[in-house]
Amino acid sequence: MSFLGLGVDASQASWARSSPTAPRHHPVKSYWWLLLFPGLLMSTTLLALNFLGDGLRDALDPRRRER
């Protein structure tokens, strides 16, 4: 999008420009807990909200009630 004037300036960082200058160690390999624990918490929260939504749907949906 830079050819339309909508991209980043040359002085600003972008993914394409920062990849050759990245450090030799990979941050996920060095600091794996910074990815693991928030990911586990997010996954657990989303799973709990999914079960809560399923339970509310089963309890409140009038079309699924047995007669």
PDB file of N, CA and C in Angstrom:
ATOM      1  N   MET A   1       0.811  -1.191   0.000  1.00  0.00           N
ATOM      2  CA  MET A   1       0.000   0.000   0.000  1.00  0.00           C
ATOM      3  C   MET A   1       0.859   1.262   0.000  1.00  0.00           C
ATOM      4  N   SER A   2       2.162   1.093   0.084  1.00  0.00           N
ATOM      5  CA  SER A   2       3.035   2.260   0.109  1.00  0.00           C
ATOM      6  C   SER A   2       2.987   3.036  -1.198  1.00  0.00           C
ATOM      7  N   PHE A   3       2.728   2.349  -2.305  1.00  0.00           N
ATOM      8  CA  PHE A   3       2.676   3.052  -3.584  1.00  0.00           C
ATOM      9  C   PHE A   3       1.470   3.976  -3.669  1.00  0.00           C
ATOM     10  N   LEU A   4       0.464   3.790  -2.805  1.00  0.00           N
ATOM     11  CA  LEU A   4      -0.681   4.693  -2.743  1.00  0.00           C
ATOM     12  C   LEU A   4      -0.506   5.781  -1.684  1.00  0.00           C
ATOM     13  N   GLY A   5       0.582   5.706  -0.953  1.00  0.00           N
ATOM     14  CA  GLY A   5       0.807   6.670   0.114  1.00  0.00           C
ATOM     15  C   GLY A   5       0.159   6.259   1.422  1.00  0.00           C
ATOM     16  N   LEU A   6      -0.300   5.002   1.519  1.00  0.00           N
ATOM     17  CA  LEU A   6      -0.968   4.540   2.726  1.00  0.00           C
ATOM     18  C   LEU A   6      -0.079   3.664   3.603  1.00  0.00           C
ATOM     19  N   GLY A   7       1.108   3.379   3.171  1.00  0.00           N
ATOM     20  CA  GLY A   7       2.004   2.508   3.932  1.00  0.00           C
ATOM     21  C   GLY A   7       2.764   3.271   4.991  1.00  0.00           C
ATOM     22  N   VAL A   8       3.689   2.583   5.616  1.00  0.00           N
ATOM     23  CA  VAL A   8       4.510   3.216   6.639  1.00  0.00           C
ATOM     24  C   VAL A   8       5.621   4.025   5.992  1.00  0.00           C
ATOM     25  N   ASP A   9       6.100   5.026   6.720  1.00  0.00           N
ATOM     26  CA  ASP A   9       7.229   5.811   6.234  1.00  0.00           C
ATOM     27  C   ASP A   9       8.488   4.962   6.250  1.00  0.00           C
ATOM     28  N   ALA A  10       9.479   5.401   5.514  1.00  0.00           N
ATOM     29  CA  ALA A  10      10.746   4.661   5.467  1.00  0.00           C
ATOM     30  C   ALA A  10      11.433   4.646   6.823  1.00  0.00           C
ATOM     31  N   SER A  11      11.171   5.657   7.654  1.00  0.00           N
ATOM     32  CA  SER A  11      11.807   5.706   8.966  1.00  0.00           C
ATOM     33  C   SER A  11      11.121   4.796   9.984  1.00  0.00           C
ATOM     34  N   GLN A  12       9.899   4.359   9.689  1.00  0.00           N
ATOM     35  CA  GLN A  12       9.173   3.493  10.616  1.00  0.00           C
ATOM     36  C   GLN A  12       9.483   2.031  10.331  1.00  0.00           C
ATOM     37  N   ALA A  13       9.337   1.222  11.350  1.00  0.00           N
ATOM     38  CA  ALA A  13       9.610  -0.210  11.202  1.00  0.00           C
ATOM     39  C   ALA A  13       8.415  -0.920  10.570  1.00  0.00           C
ATOM     40  N   SER A  14       8.705  -1.938   9.825  1.00  0.00           N
ATOM     41  CA  SER A  14       7.671  -2.813   9.294  1.00  0.00           C
ATOM     42  C   SER A  14       8.171  -4.238   9.406  1.00  0.00           C
ATOM     43  N   TRP A  15       7.298  -5.212   9.227  1.00  0.00           N
ATOM     44  CA  TRP A  15       7.703  -6.610   9.374  1.00  0.00           C
ATOM     45  C   TRP A  15       8.761  -6.985   8.348  1.00  0.00           C
ATOM     46  N   ALA A  16       8.626  -6.501   7.163  1.00  0.00           N
ATOM     47  CA  ALA A  16       9.588  -6.854   6.119  1.00  0.00           C
ATOM     48  C   ALA A  16      10.959  -6.256   6.406  1.00  0.00           C
ATOM     49  N   ARG A  17      10.988  -5.074   6.976  1.00  0.00           N
ATOM     50  CA  ARG A  17      12.276  -4.437   7.262  1.00  0.00           C
ATOM     51  C   ARG A  17      12.907  -4.969   8.526  1.00  0.00           C
ATOM     52  N   SER A  18      12.110  -5.440   9.481  1.00  0.00           N
ATOM     53  CA  SER A  18      12.678  -5.863  10.756  1.00  0.00           C
ATOM     54  C   SER A  18      13.151  -7.310  10.738  1.00  0.00           C
ATOM     55  N   SER A  19      12.722  -8.104   9.779  1.00  0.00           N
ATOM     56  CA  SER A  19      13.119  -9.516   9.782  1.00  0.00           C
ATOM     57  C   SER A  19      14.618  -9.728   9.570  1.00  0.00           C
ATOM     58  N   PRO A  20      15.300  -9.006   8.700  1.00  0.00           N
ATOM     59  CA  PRO A  20      16.741  -9.236   8.589  1.00  0.00           C
ATOM     60  C   PRO A  20      17.526  -8.746   9.800  1.00  0.00           C
ATOM     61  N   THR A  21      16.984  -7.807  10.530  1.00  0.00           N
ATOM     62  CA  THR A  21      17.692  -7.261  11.681  1.00  0.00           C
ATOM     63  C   THR A  21      17.244  -7.905  12.979  1.00  0.00           C
ATOM     64  N   ALA A  22      16.492  -8.989  12.913  1.00  0.00           N
ATOM     65  CA  ALA A  22      16.007  -9.661  14.124  1.00  0.00           C
ATOM     66  C   ALA A  22      17.178 -10.277  14.879  1.00  0.00           C
ATOM     67  N   PRO A  23      17.029 -10.403  16.182  1.00  0.00           N
ATOM     68  CA  PRO A  23      18.111 -11.016  16.949  1.00  0.00           C
ATOM     69  C   PRO A  23      18.282 -12.489  16.582  1.00  0.00           C
ATOM     70  N   ARG A  24      19.442 -13.031  16.885  1.00  0.00           N
ATOM     71  CA  ARG A  24      19.733 -14.417  16.515  1.00  0.00           C
ATOM     72  C   ARG A  24      18.900 -15.413  17.309  1.00  0.00           C
ATOM     73  N   HIS A  25      18.561 -15.104  18.529  1.00  0.00           N
ATOM     74  CA  HIS A  25      17.719 -16.018  19.315  1.00  0.00           C
ATOM     75  C   HIS A  25      16.253 -15.684  19.089  1.00  0.00           C
ATOM     76  N   HIS A  26      15.460 -16.710  19.024  1.00  0.00           N
ATOM     77  CA  HIS A  26      14.027 -16.533  18.795  1.00  0.00           C
ATOM     78  C   HIS A  26      13.355 -16.275  20.145  1.00  0.00           C
ATOM     79  N   PRO A  27      12.530 -15.229  20.260  1.00  0.00           N
ATOM     80  CA  PRO A  27      11.949 -14.897  21.571  1.00  0.00           C
ATOM     81  C   PRO A  27      11.034 -15.987  22.112  1.00  0.00           C
ATOM     82  N   VAL A  28      10.352 -16.756  21.251  1.00  0.00           N
ATOM     83  CA  VAL A  28       9.474 -17.809  21.747  1.00  0.00           C
ATOM     84  C   VAL A  28      10.295 -18.952  22.336  1.00  0.00           C
ATOM     85  N   LYS A  29      11.450 -19.229  21.756  1.00  0.00           N
ATOM     86  CA  LYS A  29      12.310 -20.283  22.301  1.00  0.00           C
ATOM     87  C   LYS A  29      12.964 -19.826  23.602  1.00  0.00           C
ATOM     88  N   SER A  30      13.267 -18.561  23.726  1.00  0.00           N
ATOM     89  CA  SER A  30      13.939 -18.059  24.919  1.00  0.00           C
ATOM     90  C   SER A  30      12.960 -17.789  26.051  1.00  0.00           C
ATOM     91  N   TYR A  31      11.810 -17.242  25.740  1.00  0.00           N
ATOM     92  CA  TYR A  31      10.819 -16.852  26.742  1.00  0.00           C
ATOM     93  C   TYR A  31       9.488 -17.533  26.441  1.00  0.00           C
ATOM     94  N   TRP A  32       9.465 -18.861  26.493  1.00  0.00           N
ATOM     95  CA  TRP A  32       8.282 -19.627  26.110  1.00  0.00           C
ATOM     96  C   TRP A  32       7.116 -19.395  27.048  1.00  0.00           C
ATOM     97  N   TRP A  33       7.360 -19.070  28.303  1.00  0.00           N
ATOM     98  CA  TRP A  33       6.276 -18.889  29.264  1.00  0.00           C
ATOM     99  C   TRP A  33       5.461 -17.631  28.977  1.00  0.00           C
ATOM    100  N   LEU A  34       6.065 -16.680  28.257  1.00  0.00           N
ATOM    101  CA  LEU A  34       5.312 -15.479  27.899  1.00  0.00           C
ATOM    102  C   LEU A  34       4.226 -15.778  26.879  1.00  0.00           C
ATOM    103  N   LEU A  35       4.329 -16.882  26.177  1.00  0.00           N
ATOM    104  CA  LEU A  35       3.314 -17.307  25.225  1.00  0.00           C
ATOM    105  C   LEU A  35       2.417 -18.386  25.810  1.00  0.00           C
ATOM    106  N   LEU A  36       2.980 -19.295  26.586  1.00  0.00           N
ATOM    107  CA  LEU A  36       2.237 -20.455  27.079  1.00  0.00           C
ATOM    108  C   LEU A  36       1.156 -20.081  28.081  1.00  0.00           C
ATOM    109  N   PHE A  37       1.500 -19.363  29.127  1.00  0.00           N
ATOM    110  CA  PHE A  37       0.537 -19.105  30.195  1.00  0.00           C
ATOM    111  C   PHE A  37      -0.617 -18.195  29.762  1.00  0.00           C
ATOM    112  N   PRO A  38      -0.378 -17.100  29.052  1.00  0.00           N
ATOM    113  CA  PRO A  38      -1.530 -16.336  28.555  1.00  0.00           C
ATOM    114  C   PRO A  38      -2.378 -17.140  27.559  1.00  0.00           C
ATOM    115  N   GLY A  39      -1.725 -17.970  26.750  1.00  0.00           N
ATOM    116  CA  GLY A  39      -2.477 -18.803  25.815  1.00  0.00           C
ATOM    117  C   GLY A  39      -3.353 -19.808  26.526  1.00  0.00           C
ATOM    118  N   LEU A  40      -2.830 -20.421  27.589  1.00  0.00           N
ATOM    119  CA  LEU A  40      -3.638 -21.362  28.365  1.00  0.00           C
ATOM    120  C   LEU A  40      -4.806 -20.667  29.059  1.00  0.00           C
ATOM    121  N   LEU A  41      -4.551 -19.489  29.607  1.00  0.00           N
ATOM    122  CA  LEU A  41      -5.626 -18.748  30.266  1.00  0.00           C
ATOM    123  C   LEU A  41      -6.704 -18.322  29.266  1.00  0.00           C
ATOM    124  N   MET A  42      -6.294 -17.865  28.090  1.00  0.00           N
ATOM    125  CA  MET A  42      -7.269 -17.485  27.076  1.00  0.00           C
ATOM    126  C   MET A  42      -8.073 -18.688  26.608  1.00  0.00           C
ATOM    127  N   SER A  43      -7.395 -19.812  26.398  1.00  0.00           N
ATOM    128  CA  SER A  43      -8.086 -21.020  25.951  1.00  0.00           C
ATOM    129  C   SER A  43      -9.079 -21.504  26.994  1.00  0.00           C
ATOM    130  N   THR A  44      -8.687 -21.484  28.257  1.00  0.00           N
ATOM    131  CA  THR A  44      -9.581 -21.911  29.330  1.00  0.00           C
ATOM    132  C   THR A  44     -10.784 -20.983  29.439  1.00  0.00           C
ATOM    133  N   THR A  45     -10.558 -19.681  29.338  1.00  0.00           N
ATOM    134  CA  THR A  45     -11.652 -18.719  29.409  1.00  0.00           C
ATOM    135  C   THR A  45     -12.619 -18.895  28.248  1.00  0.00           C
ATOM    136  N   LEU A  46     -12.087 -19.064  27.039  1.00  0.00           N
ATOM    137  CA  LEU A  46     -12.958 -19.234  25.885  1.00  0.00           C
ATOM    138  C   LEU A  46     -13.741 -20.540  25.944  1.00  0.00           C
ATOM    139  N   LEU A  47     -13.132 -21.593  26.449  1.00  0.00           N
ATOM    140  CA  LEU A  47     -13.827 -22.860  26.604  1.00  0.00           C
ATOM    141  C   LEU A  47     -14.943 -22.736  27.638  1.00  0.00           C
ATOM    142  N   ALA A  48     -14.674 -22.060  28.748  1.00  0.00           N
ATOM    143  CA  ALA A  48     -15.692 -21.854  29.775  1.00  0.00           C
ATOM    144  C   ALA A  48     -16.852 -21.008  29.245  1.00  0.00           C
ATOM    145  N   LEU A  49     -16.540 -19.960  28.486  1.00  0.00           N
ATOM    146  CA  LEU A  49     -17.606 -19.136  27.905  1.00  0.00           C
ATOM    147  C   LEU A  49     -18.416 -19.911  26.876  1.00  0.00           C
ATOM    148  N   ASN A  50     -17.772 -20.803  26.150  1.00  0.00           N
ATOM    149  CA  ASN A  50     -18.481 -21.633  25.191  1.00  0.00           C
ATOM    150  C   ASN A  50     -19.458 -22.561  25.906  1.00  0.00           C
ATOM    151  N   PHE A  51     -19.006 -23.197  26.996  1.00  0.00           N
ATOM    152  CA  PHE A  51     -19.895 -24.062  27.769  1.00  0.00           C
ATOM    153  C   PHE A  51     -21.027 -23.261  28.411  1.00  0.00           C
ATOM    154  N   LEU A  52     -20.739 -22.064  28.873  1.00  0.00           N
ATOM    155  CA  LEU A  52     -21.774 -21.212  29.445  1.00  0.00           C
ATOM    156  C   LEU A  52     -22.812 -20.844  28.395  1.00  0.00           C
ATOM    157  N   GLY A  53     -22.366 -20.493  27.204  1.00  0.00           N
ATOM    158  CA  GLY A  53     -23.301 -20.173  26.124  1.00  0.00           C
ATOM    159  C   GLY A  53     -24.146 -21.360  25.718  1.00  0.00           C
ATOM    160  N   ASP A  54     -23.544 -22.550  25.663  1.00  0.00           N
ATOM    161  CA  ASP A  54     -24.314 -23.751  25.337  1.00  0.00           C
ATOM    162  C   ASP A  54     -25.359 -24.046  26.406  1.00  0.00           C
ATOM    163  N   GLY A  55     -24.986 -23.872  27.660  1.00  0.00           N
ATOM    164  CA  GLY A  55     -25.932 -24.098  28.748  1.00  0.00           C
ATOM    165  C   GLY A  55     -27.071 -23.101  28.728  1.00  0.00           C
ATOM    166  N   LEU A  56     -26.772 -21.835  28.475  1.00  0.00           N
ATOM    167  CA  LEU A  56     -27.831 -20.825  28.382  1.00  0.00           C
ATOM    168  C   LEU A  56     -28.747 -21.086  27.201  1.00  0.00           C
ATOM    169  N   ARG A  57     -28.175 -21.518  26.090  1.00  0.00           N
ATOM    170  CA  ARG A  57     -29.008 -21.833  24.927  1.00  0.00           C
ATOM    171  C   ARG A  57     -29.942 -22.997  25.239  1.00  0.00           C
ATOM    172  N   ASP A  58     -29.416 -24.024  25.871  1.00  0.00           N
ATOM    173  CA  ASP A  58     -30.246 -25.177  26.214  1.00  0.00           C
ATOM    174  C   ASP A  58     -31.338 -24.808  27.212  1.00  0.00           C
ATOM    175  N   ALA A  59     -31.034 -23.916  28.138  1.00  0.00           N
ATOM    176  CA  ALA A  59     -32.003 -23.552  29.174  1.00  0.00           C
ATOM    177  C   ALA A  59     -33.052 -22.564  28.683  1.00  0.00           C
ATOM    178  N   LEU A  60     -32.689 -21.692  27.758  1.00  0.00           N
ATOM    179  CA  LEU A  60     -33.581 -20.593  27.399  1.00  0.00           C
ATOM    180  C   LEU A  60     -34.196 -20.684  26.006  1.00  0.00           C
ATOM    181  N   ASP A  61     -33.792 -21.626  25.188  1.00  0.00           N
ATOM    182  CA  ASP A  61     -34.316 -21.718  23.825  1.00  0.00           C
ATOM    183  C   ASP A  61     -35.692 -22.376  23.847  1.00  0.00           C
ATOM    184  N   PRO A  62     -36.745 -21.633  23.492  1.00  0.00           N
ATOM    185  CA  PRO A  62     -38.097 -22.217  23.566  1.00  0.00           C
ATOM    186  C   PRO A  62     -38.346 -23.284  22.488  1.00  0.00           C
ATOM    187  N   ARG A  63     -37.623 -23.251  21.426  1.00  0.00           N
ATOM    188  CA  ARG A  63     -37.839 -24.246  20.367  1.00  0.00           C
ATOM    189  C   ARG A  63     -37.302 -25.605  20.742  1.00  0.00           C
ATOM    190  N   ARG A  64     -36.382 -25.679  21.679  1.00  0.00           N
ATOM    191  CA  ARG A  64     -35.757 -26.949  22.034  1.00  0.00           C
ATOM    192  C   ARG A  64     -36.376 -27.586  23.279  1.00  0.00           C
ATOM    193  N   ARG A  65     -37.375 -26.916  23.867  1.00  0.00           N
ATOM    194  CA  ARG A  65     -38.014 -27.468  25.072  1.00  0.00           C
ATOM    195  C   ARG A  65     -38.872 -28.668  24.704  1.00  0.00           C
ATOM    196  N   GLU A  66     -38.828 -29.643  25.581  1.00  0.00           N
ATOM    197  CA  GLU A  66     -39.629 -30.830  25.360  1.00  0.00           C
ATOM    198  C   GLU A  66     -41.057 -30.588  25.853  1.00  0.00           C
ATOM    199  N   ARG A  67     -42.005 -31.169  25.149  1.00  0.00           N
ATOM    200  CA  ARG A  67     -43.402 -30.989  25.545  1.00  0.00           C
ATOM    201  C   ARG A  67     -43.904 -32.179  26.280  1.00  0.00           C
TER     202      ARG A  67
END
